[in-house]
C-alpha atoms as a PDB file:
ATOM      1  CA  MET A   1       0.000   0.000   0.000  1.00  0.00           C
ATOM      2  CA  TRP A   2       2.745   2.472   0.932  1.00  0.00           C
ATOM      3  CA  GLN A   3       4.486   1.874  -2.407  1.00  0.00           C
ATOM      4  CA  GLN A   4       1.378   3.027  -4.285  1.00  0.00           C
ATOM      5  CA  LEU A   5       0.768   6.103  -2.112  1.00  0.00           C
ATOM      6  CA  PRO A   6       2.674   8.621  -4.308  1.00  0.00           C
ATOM      7  CA  TYR A   7       0.691   7.502  -7.345  1.00  0.00           C
ATOM      8  CA  VAL A   8      -2.615   7.736  -5.465  1.00  0.00           C
ATOM      9  CA  VAL A   9      -1.745  11.262  -4.323  1.00  0.00           C
ATOM     10  CA  ALA A  10      -0.917  12.253  -7.921  1.00  0.00           C
ATOM     11  CA  LEU A  11      -4.231  10.813  -9.092  1.00  0.00           C
ATOM     12  CA  VAL A  12      -6.164  12.663  -6.388  1.00  0.00           C
ATOM     13  CA  LEU A  13      -4.421  15.943  -7.291  1.00  0.00           C
ATOM     14  CA  ALA A  14      -5.236  15.434 -10.970  1.00  0.00           C
ATOM     15  CA  VAL A  15      -8.905  14.735 -10.264  1.00  0.00           C
ATOM     16  CA  ALA A  16      -9.081  17.747  -7.932  1.00  0.00           C
ATOM     17  CA  GLY A  17      -7.507  19.941 -10.623  1.00  0.00           C
ATOM     18  CA  ILE A  18     -10.009  18.737 -13.207  1.00  0.00           C
ATOM     19  CA  ALA A  19     -12.927  19.291 -10.836  1.00  0.00           C
ATOM     20  CA  TYR A  20     -11.775  22.800  -9.941  1.00  0.00           C
ATOM     21  CA  THR A  21     -11.220  23.678 -13.598  1.00  0.00           C
ATOM     22  CA  ASN A  22     -14.751  22.534 -14.452  1.00  0.00           C
ATOM     23  CA  VAL A  23     -16.288  24.505 -11.576  1.00  0.00           C
ATOM     24  CA  SER A  24     -14.311  27.713 -12.105  1.00  0.00           C
ATOM     25  CA  HIS A  25     -14.526  27.676 -15.942  1.00  0.00           C
ATOM     26  CA  ARG A  26     -10.947  28.888 -16.279  1.00  0.00           C
ATOM     27  CA  PRO A  27      -7.720  26.989 -16.865  1.00  0.00           C
ATOM     28  CA  LEU A  28      -5.289  26.393 -14.030  1.00  0.00           C
ATOM     29  CA  VAL A  29      -2.009  26.483 -15.906  1.00  0.00           C
ATOM     30  CA  GLY A  30       0.098  26.656 -12.755  1.00  0.00           C
ATOM     31  CA  CYS A  31      -1.648  23.658 -11.257  1.00  0.00           C
ATOM     32  CA  TRP A  32      -0.968  21.498 -14.314  1.00  0.00           C
ATOM     33  CA  GLU A  33       2.656  22.636 -14.513  1.00  0.00           C
ATOM     34  CA  PHE A  34       3.155  21.722 -10.850  1.00  0.00           C
ATOM     35  CA  LEU A  35       1.385  18.399 -11.294  1.00  0.00           C
ATOM     36  CA  ALA A  36       3.530  17.471 -14.314  1.00  0.00           C
ATOM     37  CA  LEU A  37       6.706  18.277 -12.392  1.00  0.00           C
ATOM     38  CA  ALA A  38       5.482  16.430  -9.284  1.00  0.00           C
ATOM     39  CA  ILE A  39       4.590  13.295 -11.256  1.00  0.00           C
ATOM     40  CA  GLY A  40       8.012  13.352 -12.909  1.00  0.00           C
ATOM     41  CA  VAL A  41       9.741  13.603  -9.543  1.00  0.00           C
ATOM     42  CA  VAL A  42       7.592  10.816  -8.082  1.00  0.00           C
ATOM     43  CA  CYS A  43       8.389   8.501 -10.990  1.00  0.00           C
ATOM     44  CA  PHE A  44      12.100   9.300 -10.742  1.00  0.00           C
ATOM     45  CA  VAL A  45      12.322   8.851  -6.973  1.00  0.00           C
ATOM     46  CA  THR A  46      10.303   5.632  -6.857  1.00  0.00           C
ATOM     47  CA  LYS A  47      12.241   3.919  -9.654  1.00  0.00           C
ATOM     48  CA  TRP A  48      15.765   5.080  -8.767  1.00  0.00           C
ATOM     49  CA  PRO A  49      16.411   2.347  -6.148  1.00  0.00           C
ATOM     50  CA  GLU A  50      15.387  -0.321  -8.680  1.00  0.00           C
ATOM     51  CA  THR A  51      17.885   0.739 -11.339  1.00  0.00           C
ATOM     52  CA  GLN A  52      21.051  -1.296 -11.571  1.00  0.00           C
ATOM     53  CA  GLY A  53      24.118   0.078 -13.280  1.00  0.00           C
ATOM     54  CA  LYS A  54      25.147   3.410 -14.661  1.00  0.00           C
ATOM     55  CA  GLY A  55      23.482   2.827 -18.033  1.00  0.00           C
ATOM     56  CA  ALA A  56      20.081   2.214 -16.475  1.00  0.00           C
ATOM     57  CA  GLN A  57      20.444   5.270 -14.238  1.00  0.00           C
ATOM     58  CA  LEU A  58      21.352   7.485 -17.184  1.00  0.00           C
ATOM     59  CA  ARG A  59      18.375   6.133 -19.137  1.00  0.00           C
ATOM     60  CA  LEU A  60      16.097   6.931 -16.175  1.00  0.00           C
ATOM     61  CA  ILE A  61      17.483  10.454 -15.951  1.00  0.00           C
ATOM     62  CA  TRP A  62      17.021  10.989 -19.685  1.00  0.00           C
ATOM     63  CA  THR A  63      13.493   9.637 -19.645  1.00  0.00           C
END
């Protein structure tokens, strides 16, 4: 359960952003920029311990 928590939080933030955008009838550019950056960081941090070797780490950084 704890391993999936960062992904659940990202999903909840995305749904909240969509709901707020629909209610307010205006785009939340800052919210989506933050969410994109946060999801990238979550993916990087959660997969870093699983990478083995310098080549795999460089590929993760590039991706």
